[in-house]
Amino acid sequence: MDKKLTYKDAGVDIDAADKFIDSVKKIVKPTFRPEVMSSIGGFGGMFALNKQKYDNPVLVSSTDGVGTKLRIAGMMNKHDTIGIDLVAMCANDIIVQGAEPVFLLDYISIGKINHEILENVLKGIADGCKQAGCSLIGGETAEMPSFYEDGEYDVAGFVVGVVDKAKIIDGSSITVGDKIVGIASSGVHSNGFSLVRKVFFDSLKMKHDDYVEELGCTVGEELIKPTKIYVKTVLNIMRDFQINGISHITGGGLADNIVRVLPKGCRAKINLGSWDSLPIFDFLRGKGNVDEEDMLRTFNNGIGMVLIVPAEDADEIMLRLKGLDEKAFLIGEIESKGRNKNIQFTPV
């Protein structure tokens, strides 16, 4: 009699997947807020909204991944920070509307269940959730043989946050004279890696373990630095100050992200050179021969989050940010647009 085929024969090991789920419960549980009503392994995650905390709650959601930064993690066989990137890309996107992230779901697809890789990815996601103050209440791990090579994987995240309707930050209150505050990034974050990899590995023929004097570390060590999570910092500023607009500097860089929150009739004047440059961006611009326009439209260039605030509050907000151990800079102001572009970069 011919042998009966099994799912395992096709490359999918259900027992390995179940074992992985059991092993990560201890990693995930410390992220649970009091509102979490379910445990990992169920069909759906449950979260009881604390209605007493809000007058008119509005749910805000976002989904994202980390792009080709995963290639760097694979080169280095270092997977414990990619999860931080994942949470950051999702949570930073909803804090710009004033929403506090409350829970996150993750999706991981991998060629073959690898407990070491998956547990490290989950540790990073849990770490990121703690930094953002949200709970990891569920997700999906899909074993996809023949779709990914062994050791290859992709990750995606979905976050939900809450904000009172009256406290939504949508840029509509931005006005001429407002100041633009830039909060420093930790590096490249998770955008522009297709260009980054082309510079380092194609144009300059470097390896991930090559030491770069200008960076003070190896190529891989610089590029794997996790994306900064700004949630708790922004919530702290929101508590005591008016914020008229916030922009997360992701794909599209400074040039394309700030204009997304500007109302009609306003333009942003950005003073180039008004903040401390990070060595990685100087390297990409110089040794990588990347055009300045592409730099501004691809990378955060050292500023990961932008706050647009009333001029009279700018100095106090800067002091608060310093007290929160953030590197922040007054990088520009809001002007009348007229017939001009939505954003103007001015060397200083």
C-alpha atoms as a PDB file:
ATOM      1  CA  MET A   1       0.000   0.000   0.000  1.00  0.00           C
ATOM      2  CA  ASP A   2       1.272   3.448  -0.871  1.00  0.00           C
ATOM      3  CA  LYS A   3       2.324   5.585   2.048  1.00  0.00           C
ATOM      4  CA  LYS A   4      -0.276   8.137   3.107  1.00  0.00           C
ATOM      5  CA  LEU A   5       0.923  11.705   2.723  1.00  0.00           C
ATOM      6  CA  THR A   6       0.855  14.019   5.725  1.00  0.00           C
ATOM      7  CA  TYR A   7       1.045  17.766   6.197  1.00  0.00           C
ATOM      8  CA  LYS A   8       4.509  17.209   7.670  1.00  0.00           C
ATOM      9  CA  ASP A   9       5.571  15.526   4.418  1.00  0.00           C
ATOM     10  CA  ALA A  10       4.615  18.776   2.668  1.00  0.00           C
ATOM     11  CA  GLY A  11       6.940  20.709   4.978  1.00  0.00           C
ATOM     12  CA  VAL A  12       4.515  21.967   7.641  1.00  0.00           C
ATOM     13  CA  ASP A  13       5.059  20.681  11.183  1.00  0.00           C
ATOM     14  CA  ILE A  14       1.947  21.417  13.260  1.00  0.00           C
ATOM     15  CA  ASP A  15       3.485  19.923  16.394  1.00  0.00           C
ATOM     16  CA  ALA A  16       6.477  22.267  16.112  1.00  0.00           C
ATOM     17  CA  ALA A  17       4.145  25.226  15.708  1.00  0.00           C
ATOM     18  CA  ASP A  18       2.115  24.218  18.777  1.00  0.00           C
ATOM     19  CA  LYS A  19       5.298  23.782  20.793  1.00  0.00           C
ATOM     20  CA  PHE A  20       6.422  27.253  19.743  1.00  0.00           C
ATOM     21  CA  ILE A  21       3.134  28.818  20.882  1.00  0.00           C
ATOM     22  CA  ASP A  22       3.475  27.196  24.302  1.00  0.00           C
ATOM     23  CA  SER A  23       7.075  28.374  24.640  1.00  0.00           C
ATOM     24  CA  VAL A  24       6.346  32.044  23.972  1.00  0.00           C
ATOM     25  CA  LYS A  25       3.516  32.518  26.473  1.00  0.00           C
ATOM     26  CA  LYS A  26       6.027  33.466  29.153  1.00  0.00           C
ATOM     27  CA  ILE A  27       7.526  36.074  26.793  1.00  0.00           C
ATOM     28  CA  VAL A  28       4.187  37.638  25.888  1.00  0.00           C
ATOM     29  CA  LYS A  29       2.372  37.700  29.243  1.00  0.00           C
ATOM     30  CA  PRO A  30       4.524  40.488  30.782  1.00  0.00           C
ATOM     31  CA  THR A  31       3.197  42.850  28.075  1.00  0.00           C
ATOM     32  CA  PHE A  32      -0.420  42.425  29.252  1.00  0.00           C
ATOM     33  CA  ARG A  33      -2.203  45.515  30.479  1.00  0.00           C
ATOM     34  CA  PRO A  34      -5.043  45.050  33.030  1.00  0.00           C
ATOM     35  CA  GLU A  35      -7.577  45.372  30.200  1.00  0.00           C
ATOM     36  CA  VAL A  36      -6.460  42.124  28.511  1.00  0.00           C
ATOM     37  CA  MET A  37      -9.097  39.396  28.901  1.00  0.00           C
ATOM     38  CA  SER A  38      -7.574  36.534  26.905  1.00  0.00           C
ATOM     39  CA  SER A  39      -4.420  34.463  26.727  1.00  0.00           C
ATOM     40  CA  ILE A  40      -2.137  33.524  23.860  1.00  0.00           C
ATOM     41  CA  GLY A  41      -3.352  30.549  21.834  1.00  0.00           C
ATOM     42  CA  GLY A  42      -7.030  31.410  21.507  1.00  0.00           C
ATOM     43  CA  PHE A  43      -8.870  32.212  18.293  1.00  0.00           C
ATOM     44  CA  GLY A  44      -9.006  35.927  19.086  1.00  0.00           C
ATOM     45  CA  GLY A  45      -7.510  38.362  21.550  1.00  0.00           C
ATOM     46  CA  MET A  46      -9.901  40.199  23.880  1.00  0.00           C
ATOM     47  CA  PHE A  47      -9.350  43.648  25.321  1.00  0.00           C
ATOM     48  CA  ALA A  48     -11.838  45.451  27.596  1.00  0.00           C
ATOM     49  CA  LEU A  49     -11.652  49.192  26.936  1.00  0.00           C
ATOM     50  CA  ASN A  50     -11.571  51.269  30.119  1.00  0.00           C
ATOM     51  CA  LYS A  51     -14.477  53.550  29.216  1.00  0.00           C
ATOM     52  CA  GLN A  52     -14.064  55.612  32.379  1.00  0.00           C
ATOM     53  CA  LYS A  53     -10.771  56.894  31.003  1.00  0.00           C
ATOM     54  CA  TYR A  54     -12.411  58.505  27.949  1.00  0.00           C
ATOM     55  CA  ASP A  55     -15.342  60.826  27.310  1.00  0.00           C
ATOM     56  CA  ASN A  56     -15.741  59.927  23.645  1.00  0.00           C
ATOM     57  CA  PRO A  57     -13.207  57.235  22.709  1.00  0.00           C
ATOM     58  CA  VAL A  58     -12.025  56.867  19.115  1.00  0.00           C
ATOM     59  CA  LEU A  59     -10.092  53.803  17.953  1.00  0.00           C
ATOM     60  CA  VAL A  60      -7.028  54.457  15.794  1.00  0.00           C
ATOM     61  CA  SER A  61      -5.237  51.625  13.992  1.00  0.00           C
ATOM     62  CA  SER A  62      -2.163  51.077  11.857  1.00  0.00           C
ATOM     63  CA  THR A  63      -0.360  48.166  10.241  1.00  0.00           C
ATOM     64  CA  ASP A  64       3.226  47.943   9.022  1.00  0.00           C
ATOM     65  CA  GLY A  65       6.322  45.802   8.628  1.00  0.00           C
ATOM     66  CA  VAL A  66      10.072  46.419   8.682  1.00  0.00           C
ATOM     67  CA  GLY A  67      10.882  45.978   5.001  1.00  0.00           C
ATOM     68  CA  THR A  68      14.268  44.817   3.807  1.00  0.00           C
ATOM     69  CA  LYS A  69      15.910  45.533   7.150  1.00  0.00           C
ATOM     70  CA  LEU A  70      15.156  41.843   7.635  1.00  0.00           C
ATOM     71  CA  ARG A  71      18.068  41.149   5.273  1.00  0.00           C
ATOM     72  CA  ILE A  72      20.438  42.773   7.772  1.00  0.00           C
ATOM     73  CA  ALA A  73      19.067  40.618  10.591  1.00  0.00           C
ATOM     74  CA  GLY A  74      19.585  37.541   8.415  1.00  0.00           C
ATOM     75  CA  MET A  75      23.160  38.499   7.515  1.00  0.00           C
ATOM     76  CA  MET A  76      24.030  38.970  11.178  1.00  0.00           C
ATOM     77  CA  ASN A  77      21.895  36.103  12.468  1.00  0.00           C
ATOM     78  CA  LYS A  78      20.574  38.617  15.000  1.00  0.00           C
ATOM     79  CA  HIS A  79      16.811  38.593  15.384  1.00  0.00           C
ATOM     80  CA  ASP A  80      16.132  40.044  18.849  1.00  0.00           C
ATOM     81  CA  THR A  81      15.650  43.684  17.781  1.00  0.00           C
ATOM     82  CA  ILE A  82      13.545  43.313  14.614  1.00  0.00           C
ATOM     83  CA  GLY A  83      10.461  43.007  16.820  1.00  0.00           C
ATOM     84  CA  ILE A  84      11.204  46.412  18.366  1.00  0.00           C
ATOM     85  CA  ASP A  85      11.286  47.855  14.852  1.00  0.00           C
ATOM     86  CA  LEU A  86       7.932  46.261  14.112  1.00  0.00           C
ATOM     87  CA  VAL A  87       6.225  47.758  17.157  1.00  0.00           C
ATOM     88  CA  ALA A  88       7.848  51.128  16.548  1.00  0.00           C
ATOM     89  CA  MET A  89       6.650  51.369  12.962  1.00  0.00           C
ATOM     90  CA  CYS A  90       3.070  50.690  14.053  1.00  0.00           C
ATOM     91  CA  ALA A  91       2.899  52.522  17.394  1.00  0.00           C
ATOM     92  CA  ASN A  92       4.707  55.664  16.218  1.00  0.00           C
ATOM     93  CA  ASP A  93       2.182  55.968  13.393  1.00  0.00           C
ATOM     94  CA  ILE A  94      -0.822  56.254  15.706  1.00  0.00           C
ATOM     95  CA  ILE A  95       0.711  58.425  18.415  1.00  0.00           C
ATOM     96  CA  VAL A  96       0.886  61.184  15.788  1.00  0.00           C
ATOM     97  CA  GLN A  97      -2.907  61.425  16.089  1.00  0.00           C
ATOM     98  CA  GLY A  98      -2.716  61.491  19.852  1.00  0.00           C
ATOM     99  CA  ALA A  99      -3.754  57.840  20.230  1.00  0.00           C
ATOM    100  CA  GLU A 100      -2.251  55.724  22.996  1.00  0.00           C
ATOM    101  CA  PRO A 101      -1.453  52.225  21.653  1.00  0.00           C
ATOM    102  CA  VAL A 102      -3.302  49.641  23.752  1.00  0.00           C
ATOM    103  CA  PHE A 103      -2.779  46.341  21.941  1.00  0.00           C
ATOM    104  CA  LEU A 104      -0.859  44.806  19.049  1.00  0.00           C
ATOM    105  CA  LEU A 105      -1.202  41.690  16.920  1.00  0.00           C
ATOM    106  CA  ASP A 106       1.734  40.205  15.034  1.00  0.00           C
ATOM    107  CA  TYR A 107       2.064  38.026  11.946  1.00  0.00           C
ATOM    108  CA  ILE A 108       5.202  36.009  11.263  1.00  0.00           C
ATOM    109  CA  SER A 109       5.651  33.856   8.162  1.00  0.00           C
ATOM    110  CA  ILE A 110       8.688  31.590   7.950  1.00  0.00           C
ATOM    111  CA  GLY A 111       9.977  28.860   5.670  1.00  0.00           C
ATOM    112  CA  LYS A 112      10.405  26.328   8.458  1.00  0.00           C
ATOM    113  CA  ILE A 113       9.673  26.637  12.174  1.00  0.00           C
ATOM    114  CA  ASN A 114      12.928  27.658  13.850  1.00  0.00           C
ATOM    115  CA  HIS A 115      12.397  28.057  17.593  1.00  0.00           C
ATOM    116  CA  GLU A 116      15.530  30.093  18.196  1.00  0.00           C
ATOM    117  CA  ILE A 117      14.762  32.657  15.478  1.00  0.00           C
ATOM    118  CA  LEU A 118      11.074  32.912  16.329  1.00  0.00           C
ATOM    119  CA  GLU A 119      11.629  33.261  20.071  1.00  0.00           C
ATOM    120  CA  ASN A 120      14.155  36.041  19.478  1.00  0.00           C
ATOM    121  CA  VAL A 121      11.737  37.851  17.171  1.00  0.00           C
ATOM    122  CA  LEU A 122       8.981  37.525  19.790  1.00  0.00           C
ATOM    123  CA  LYS A 123      11.304  38.794  22.531  1.00  0.00           C
ATOM    124  CA  GLY A 124      11.879  41.898  20.431  1.00  0.00           C
ATOM    125  CA  ILE A 125       8.155  42.396  19.861  1.00  0.00           C
ATOM    126  CA  ALA A 126       7.491  42.022  23.589  1.00  0.00           C
ATOM    127  CA  ASP A 127      10.281  44.488  24.372  1.00  0.00           C
ATOM    128  CA  GLY A 128       8.803  46.960  21.883  1.00  0.00           C
ATOM    129  CA  CYS A 129       5.343  46.560  23.384  1.00  0.00           C
ATOM    130  CA  LYS A 130       6.698  47.345  26.835  1.00  0.00           C
ATOM    131  CA  GLN A 131       8.392  50.468  25.459  1.00  0.00           C
ATOM    132  CA  ALA A 132       5.147  51.543  23.791  1.00  0.00           C
ATOM    133  CA  GLY A 133       2.965  50.583  26.765  1.00  0.00           C
ATOM    134  CA  CYS A 134       0.747  48.241  24.731  1.00  0.00           C
ATOM    135  CA  SER A 135      -0.159  44.565  25.045  1.00  0.00           C
ATOM    136  CA  LEU A 136       0.710  41.802  22.615  1.00  0.00           C
ATOM    137  CA  ILE A 137      -2.598  39.912  22.730  1.00  0.00           C
ATOM    138  CA  GLY A 138      -2.323  37.575  19.747  1.00  0.00           C
ATOM    139  CA  GLY A 139      -0.944  36.845  16.336  1.00  0.00           C
ATOM    140  CA  GLU A 140      -0.207  34.231  13.737  1.00  0.00           C
ATOM    141  CA  THR A 141       2.872  32.171  12.913  1.00  0.00           C
ATOM    142  CA  ALA A 142       2.656  30.663   9.432  1.00  0.00           C
ATOM    143  CA  GLU A 143       5.054  27.952   8.282  1.00  0.00           C
ATOM    144  CA  MET A 144       5.388  28.377   4.507  1.00  0.00           C
ATOM    145  CA  PRO A 145       7.807  25.842   2.980  1.00  0.00           C
ATOM    146  CA  SER A 146       8.931  26.520  -0.595  1.00  0.00           C
ATOM    147  CA  PHE A 147       7.719  30.110  -0.242  1.00  0.00           C
ATOM    148  CA  TYR A 148      10.608  31.153   2.016  1.00  0.00           C
ATOM    149  CA  GLU A 149      14.020  29.548   2.274  1.00  0.00           C
ATOM    150  CA  ASP A 150      14.937  27.941   5.607  1.00  0.00           C
ATOM    151  CA  GLY A 151      15.742  30.743   8.051  1.00  0.00           C
ATOM    152  CA  GLU A 152      13.925  33.374   5.989  1.00  0.00           C
ATOM    153  CA  TYR A 153      10.863  35.082   7.427  1.00  0.00           C
ATOM    154  CA  ASP A 154       8.713  38.170   7.237  1.00  0.00           C
ATOM    155  CA  VAL A 155       6.895  40.066   9.982  1.00  0.00           C
ATOM    156  CA  ALA A 156       3.924  42.385  10.102  1.00  0.00           C
ATOM    157  CA  GLY A 157       2.162  44.143  12.936  1.00  0.00           C
ATOM    158  CA  PHE A 158      -1.275  45.619  13.570  1.00  0.00           C
ATOM    159  CA  VAL A 159      -1.796  48.056  16.418  1.00  0.00           C
ATOM    160  CA  VAL A 160      -4.930  49.598  17.914  1.00  0.00           C
ATOM    161  CA  GLY A 161      -4.927  52.723  20.040  1.00  0.00           C
ATOM    162  CA  VAL A 162      -7.450  55.011  21.684  1.00  0.00           C
ATOM    163  CA  VAL A 163      -7.837  58.783  21.853  1.00  0.00           C
ATOM    164  CA  ASP A 164     -10.634  61.021  23.087  1.00  0.00           C
ATOM    165  CA  LYS A 165     -12.360  62.603  20.086  1.00  0.00           C
ATOM    166  CA  ALA A 166     -11.736  66.086  21.468  1.00  0.00           C
ATOM    167  CA  LYS A 167      -8.014  65.347  21.788  1.00  0.00           C
ATOM    168  CA  ILE A 168      -7.352  64.017  18.276  1.00  0.00           C
ATOM    169  CA  ILE A 169      -4.277  65.639  16.730  1.00  0.00           C
ATOM    170  CA  ASP A 170      -4.962  66.040  13.003  1.00  0.00           C
ATOM    171  CA  GLY A 171      -2.999  69.157  12.060  1.00  0.00           C
ATOM    172  CA  SER A 172      -6.099  71.314  11.614  1.00  0.00           C
ATOM    173  CA  SER A 173      -5.007  73.704  14.390  1.00  0.00           C
ATOM    174  CA  ILE A 174      -1.558  74.333  12.878  1.00  0.00           C
ATOM    175  CA  THR A 175      -1.088  78.033  12.221  1.00  0.00           C
ATOM    176  CA  VAL A 176       1.510  80.438  10.883  1.00  0.00           C
ATOM    177  CA  GLY A 177       4.177  81.084  13.502  1.00  0.00           C
ATOM    178  CA  ASP A 178       4.074  77.626  15.078  1.00  0.00           C
ATOM    179  CA  LYS A 179       7.485  76.152  15.828  1.00  0.00           C
ATOM    180  CA  ILE A 180       8.725  72.810  14.530  1.00  0.00           C
ATOM    181  CA  VAL A 181      10.460  70.611  17.099  1.00  0.00           C
ATOM    182  CA  GLY A 182      12.468  67.625  15.899  1.00  0.00           C
ATOM    183  CA  ILE A 183      13.199  64.679  18.202  1.00  0.00           C
ATOM    184  CA  ALA A 184      16.340  62.743  17.341  1.00  0.00           C
ATOM    185  CA  SER A 185      16.268  59.320  15.741  1.00  0.00           C
ATOM    186  CA  SER A 186      18.455  56.390  16.756  1.00  0.00           C
ATOM    187  CA  GLY A 187      19.719  55.832  13.213  1.00  0.00           C
ATOM    188  CA  VAL A 188      18.227  54.751   9.912  1.00  0.00           C
ATOM    189  CA  HIS A 189      15.230  53.202  11.737  1.00  0.00           C
ATOM    190  CA  SER A 190      13.304  50.948   9.289  1.00  0.00           C
ATOM    191  CA  ASN A 191      13.009  52.911   6.064  1.00  0.00           C
ATOM    192  CA  GLY A 192      15.240  53.279   3.030  1.00  0.00           C
ATOM    193  CA  PHE A 193      17.025  49.951   3.424  1.00  0.00           C
ATOM    194  CA  SER A 194      16.840  49.093  -0.256  1.00  0.00           C
ATOM    195  CA  LEU A 195      19.004  52.156  -0.909  1.00  0.00           C
ATOM    196  CA  VAL A 196      21.148  51.544   2.188  1.00  0.00           C
ATOM    197  CA  ARG A 197      21.907  47.980   1.090  1.00  0.00           C
ATOM    198  CA  LYS A 198      22.701  49.158  -2.436  1.00  0.00           C
ATOM    199  CA  VAL A 199      25.196  51.695  -1.070  1.00  0.00           C
ATOM    200  CA  PHE A 200      26.998  49.380   1.344  1.00  0.00           C
ATOM    201  CA  PHE A 201      26.819  46.011  -0.353  1.00  0.00           C
ATOM    202  CA  ASP A 202      26.565  46.800  -4.078  1.00  0.00           C
ATOM    203  CA  SER A 203      28.336  50.129  -4.610  1.00  0.00           C
ATOM    204  CA  LEU A 204      30.951  49.978  -1.834  1.00  0.00           C
ATOM    205  CA  LYS A 205      31.265  46.157  -1.844  1.00  0.00           C
ATOM    206  CA  MET A 206      31.297  46.034   1.945  1.00  0.00           C
ATOM    207  CA  LYS A 207      30.346  43.176   4.257  1.00  0.00           C
ATOM    208  CA  HIS A 208      28.081  43.373   7.283  1.00  0.00           C
ATOM    209  CA  ASP A 209      31.030  42.703   9.620  1.00  0.00           C
ATOM    210  CA  ASP A 210      33.308  45.385   8.113  1.00  0.00           C
ATOM    211  CA  TYR A 211      34.317  47.974  10.692  1.00  0.00           C
ATOM    212  CA  VAL A 212      33.656  51.571   9.607  1.00  0.00           C
ATOM    213  CA  GLU A 213      35.754  54.222  11.353  1.00  0.00           C
ATOM    214  CA  GLU A 214      33.248  56.993  10.710  1.00  0.00           C
ATOM    215  CA  LEU A 215      30.483  54.972  12.345  1.00  0.00           C
ATOM    216  CA  GLY A 216      32.518  53.621  15.243  1.00  0.00           C
ATOM    217  CA  CYS A 217      31.133  50.130  14.669  1.00  0.00           C
ATOM    218  CA  THR A 218      30.583  47.523  11.974  1.00  0.00           C
ATOM    219  CA  VAL A 219      28.150  48.044   9.107  1.00  0.00           C
ATOM    220  CA  GLY A 220      25.762  45.498  10.580  1.00  0.00           C
ATOM    221  CA  GLU A 221      25.883  46.936  14.084  1.00  0.00           C
ATOM    222  CA  GLU A 222      24.939  50.357  12.745  1.00  0.00           C
ATOM    223  CA  LEU A 223      22.152  49.167  10.473  1.00  0.00           C
ATOM    224  CA  ILE A 224      20.520  46.783  12.962  1.00  0.00           C
ATOM    225  CA  LYS A 225      19.974  49.537  15.562  1.00  0.00           C
ATOM    226  CA  PRO A 226      16.276  49.372  16.464  1.00  0.00           C
ATOM    227  CA  THR A 227      13.793  52.084  15.582  1.00  0.00           C
ATOM    228  CA  LYS A 228      13.135  54.502  18.420  1.00  0.00           C
ATOM    229  CA  ILE A 229       9.679  54.339  20.008  1.00  0.00           C
ATOM    230  CA  TYR A 230       8.351  57.812  20.840  1.00  0.00           C
ATOM    231  CA  VAL A 231       5.003  56.906  22.412  1.00  0.00           C
ATOM    232  CA  LYS A 232       5.672  57.617  26.084  1.00  0.00           C
ATOM    233  CA  THR A 233       7.558  60.819  25.264  1.00  0.00           C
ATOM    234  CA  VAL A 234       4.712  62.191  23.159  1.00  0.00           C
ATOM    235  CA  LEU A 235       2.075  61.184  25.725  1.00  0.00           C
ATOM    236  CA  ASN A 236       4.069  63.046  28.375  1.00  0.00           C
ATOM    237  CA  ILE A 237       4.177  66.227  26.259  1.00  0.00           C
ATOM    238  CA  MET A 238       0.463  65.925  25.361  1.00  0.00           C
ATOM    239  CA  ARG A 239      -0.460  65.797  29.034  1.00  0.00           C
ATOM    240  CA  ASP A 240       0.688  69.372  29.720  1.00  0.00           C
ATOM    241  CA  PHE A 241       1.106  71.114  26.368  1.00  0.00           C
ATOM    242  CA  GLN A 242      -0.823  71.861  23.204  1.00  0.00           C
ATOM    243  CA  ILE A 243       0.496  69.982  20.160  1.00  0.00           C
ATOM    244  CA  ASN A 244      -0.982  71.144  16.872  1.00  0.00           C
ATOM    245  CA  GLY A 245       0.547  68.507  14.634  1.00  0.00           C
ATOM    246  CA  ILE A 246       2.857  65.484  14.766  1.00  0.00           C
ATOM    247  CA  SER A 247       4.693  63.700  11.979  1.00  0.00           C
ATOM    248  CA  HIS A 248       6.449  60.341  12.159  1.00  0.00           C
ATOM    249  CA  ILE A 249       9.448  60.539   9.798  1.00  0.00           C
ATOM    250  CA  THR A 250       9.248  57.233   7.952  1.00  0.00           C
ATOM    251  CA  GLY A 251       9.307  56.375   4.228  1.00  0.00           C
ATOM    252  CA  GLY A 252       9.369  59.660   2.331  1.00  0.00           C
ATOM    253  CA  GLY A 253      11.732  61.236   4.843  1.00  0.00           C
ATOM    254  CA  LEU A 254      11.446  64.784   6.119  1.00  0.00           C
ATOM    255  CA  ALA A 255      10.343  66.060   2.725  1.00  0.00           C
ATOM    256  CA  ASP A 256       7.179  64.004   2.342  1.00  0.00           C
ATOM    257  CA  ASN A 257       6.045  63.309   5.901  1.00  0.00           C
ATOM    258  CA  ILE A 258       5.836  66.760   7.451  1.00  0.00           C
ATOM    259  CA  VAL A 259       3.571  68.046   4.669  1.00  0.00           C
ATOM    260  CA  ARG A 260       1.083  65.237   5.383  1.00  0.00           C
ATOM    261  CA  VAL A 261      -0.159  67.060   8.495  1.00  0.00           C
ATOM    262  CA  LEU A 262      -0.161  70.637   7.185  1.00  0.00           C
ATOM    263  CA  PRO A 263      -3.479  72.423   6.556  1.00  0.00           C
ATOM    264  CA  LYS A 264      -4.046  74.440   3.392  1.00  0.00           C
ATOM    265  CA  GLY A 265      -2.320  77.794   3.445  1.00  0.00           C
ATOM    266  CA  CYS A 266       0.632  76.611   5.534  1.00  0.00           C
ATOM    267  CA  ARG A 267       4.107  75.499   4.628  1.00  0.00           C
ATOM    268  CA  ALA A 268       6.968  74.195   6.746  1.00  0.00           C
ATOM    269  CA  LYS A 269      10.290  75.993   6.696  1.00  0.00           C
ATOM    270  CA  ILE A 270      13.018  73.574   7.794  1.00  0.00           C
ATOM    271  CA  ASN A 271      16.429  74.931   8.721  1.00  0.00           C
ATOM    272  CA  LEU A 272      18.992  72.400   7.511  1.00  0.00           C
ATOM    273  CA  GLY A 273      21.906  72.206   9.908  1.00  0.00           C
ATOM    274  CA  SER A 274      19.802  73.123  12.949  1.00  0.00           C
ATOM    275  CA  TRP A 275      20.127  69.622  14.426  1.00  0.00           C
ATOM    276  CA  ASP A 276      23.018  67.269  15.109  1.00  0.00           C
ATOM    277  CA  SER A 277      23.697  65.008  12.157  1.00  0.00           C
ATOM    278  CA  LEU A 278      24.247  61.302  12.752  1.00  0.00           C
ATOM    279  CA  PRO A 279      27.382  59.744  11.207  1.00  0.00           C
ATOM    280  CA  ILE A 280      25.371  57.184   9.218  1.00  0.00           C
ATOM    281  CA  PHE A 281      23.645  59.904   7.192  1.00  0.00           C
ATOM    282  CA  ASP A 282      26.885  61.785   6.578  1.00  0.00           C
ATOM    283  CA  PHE A 283      28.356  58.510   5.345  1.00  0.00           C
ATOM    284  CA  LEU A 284      25.447  57.771   3.007  1.00  0.00           C
ATOM    285  CA  ARG A 285      25.545  61.296   1.641  1.00  0.00           C
ATOM    286  CA  GLY A 286      29.327  61.363   1.200  1.00  0.00           C
ATOM    287  CA  LYS A 287      30.801  57.899   0.674  1.00  0.00           C
ATOM    288  CA  GLY A 288      27.496  56.616  -0.710  1.00  0.00           C
ATOM    289  CA  ASN A 289      27.172  59.563  -3.098  1.00  0.00           C
ATOM    290  CA  VAL A 290      23.433  59.875  -2.402  1.00  0.00           C
ATOM    291  CA  ASP A 291      21.856  63.038  -3.778  1.00  0.00           C
ATOM    292  CA  GLU A 292      20.622  65.543  -1.165  1.00  0.00           C
ATOM    293  CA  GLU A 293      17.075  65.458  -2.514  1.00  0.00           C
ATOM    294  CA  ASP A 294      17.030  61.671  -2.225  1.00  0.00           C
ATOM    295  CA  MET A 295      18.439  61.923   1.309  1.00  0.00           C
ATOM    296  CA  LEU A 296      15.553  64.200   2.336  1.00  0.00           C
ATOM    297  CA  ARG A 297      12.914  62.048   0.626  1.00  0.00           C
ATOM    298  CA  THR A 298      14.231  58.659   1.768  1.00  0.00           C
ATOM    299  CA  PHE A 299      15.729  58.920   5.264  1.00  0.00           C
ATOM    300  CA  ASN A 300      14.872  60.530   8.582  1.00  0.00           C
ATOM    301  CA  ASN A 301      18.312  62.249   8.505  1.00  0.00           C
ATOM    302  CA  GLY A 302      18.538  62.187  12.297  1.00  0.00           C
ATOM    303  CA  ILE A 303      14.999  63.369  13.121  1.00  0.00           C
ATOM    304  CA  GLY A 304      12.542  60.565  13.836  1.00  0.00           C
ATOM    305  CA  MET A 305       9.535  62.493  15.122  1.00  0.00           C
ATOM    306  CA  VAL A 306       8.382  66.077  14.526  1.00  0.00           C
ATOM    307  CA  LEU A 307       6.096  68.106  16.797  1.00  0.00           C
ATOM    308  CA  ILE A 308       4.445  71.303  15.574  1.00  0.00           C
ATOM    309  CA  VAL A 309       3.672  73.448  18.608  1.00  0.00           C
ATOM    310  CA  PRO A 310       2.560  76.988  19.516  1.00  0.00           C
ATOM    311  CA  ALA A 311       5.515  79.370  19.518  1.00  0.00           C
ATOM    312  CA  GLU A 312       4.865  80.430  23.108  1.00  0.00           C
ATOM    313  CA  ASP A 313       5.224  76.818  24.340  1.00  0.00           C
ATOM    314  CA  ALA A 314       8.255  75.818  22.297  1.00  0.00           C
ATOM    315  CA  ASP A 315      10.940  76.644  24.884  1.00  0.00           C
ATOM    316  CA  GLU A 316       9.126  74.848  27.706  1.00  0.00           C
ATOM    317  CA  ILE A 317       8.537  71.815  25.508  1.00  0.00           C
ATOM    318  CA  MET A 318      12.226  71.748  24.673  1.00  0.00           C
ATOM    319  CA  LEU A 319      13.043  71.782  28.389  1.00  0.00           C
ATOM    320  CA  ARG A 320      10.572  68.962  29.028  1.00  0.00           C
ATOM    321  CA  LEU A 321      12.106  66.882  26.260  1.00  0.00           C
ATOM    322  CA  LYS A 322      15.540  67.410  27.750  1.00  0.00           C
ATOM    323  CA  GLY A 323      14.167  66.254  31.100  1.00  0.00           C
ATOM    324  CA  LEU A 324      12.859  63.133  29.367  1.00  0.00           C
ATOM    325  CA  ASP A 325      16.413  62.470  28.130  1.00  0.00           C
ATOM    326  CA  GLU A 326      15.458  63.168  24.525  1.00  0.00           C
ATOM    327  CA  LYS A 327      17.717  65.005  22.112  1.00  0.00           C
ATOM    328  CA  ALA A 328      15.461  67.611  20.556  1.00  0.00           C
ATOM    329  CA  PHE A 329      15.992  70.620  18.306  1.00  0.00           C
ATOM    330  CA  LEU A 330      14.046  73.617  17.059  1.00  0.00           C
ATOM    331  CA  ILE A 331      14.320  72.849  13.361  1.00  0.00           C
ATOM    332  CA  GLY A 332      11.924  75.314  11.749  1.00  0.00           C
ATOM    333  CA  GLU A 333       8.599  77.080  11.773  1.00  0.00           C
ATOM    334  CA  ILE A 334       5.296  77.298   9.957  1.00  0.00           C
ATOM    335  CA  GLU A 335       4.934  80.015   7.333  1.00  0.00           C
ATOM    336  CA  SER A 336       2.191  81.201   5.021  1.00  0.00           C
ATOM    337  CA  LYS A 337       2.232  79.050   1.907  1.00  0.00           C
ATOM    338  CA  GLY A 338       1.034  81.504  -0.760  1.00  0.00           C
ATOM    339  CA  ARG A 339       2.102  80.033  -4.080  1.00  0.00           C
ATOM    340  CA  ASN A 340       5.125  78.322  -2.569  1.00  0.00           C
ATOM    341  CA  LYS A 341       5.761  74.634  -2.019  1.00  0.00           C
ATOM    342  CA  ASN A 342       4.426  72.896   1.096  1.00  0.00           C
ATOM    343  CA  ILE A 343       7.937  72.623   2.502  1.00  0.00           C
ATOM    344  CA  GLN A 344      11.079  74.695   2.153  1.00  0.00           C
ATOM    345  CA  PHE A 345      14.545  73.531   3.186  1.00  0.00           C
ATOM    346  CA  THR A 346      16.863  76.404   4.044  1.00  0.00           C
ATOM    347  CA  PRO A 347      20.585  75.947   4.840  1.00  0.00           C
ATOM    348  CA  VAL A 348      21.728  77.696   8.029  1.00  0.00           C
END
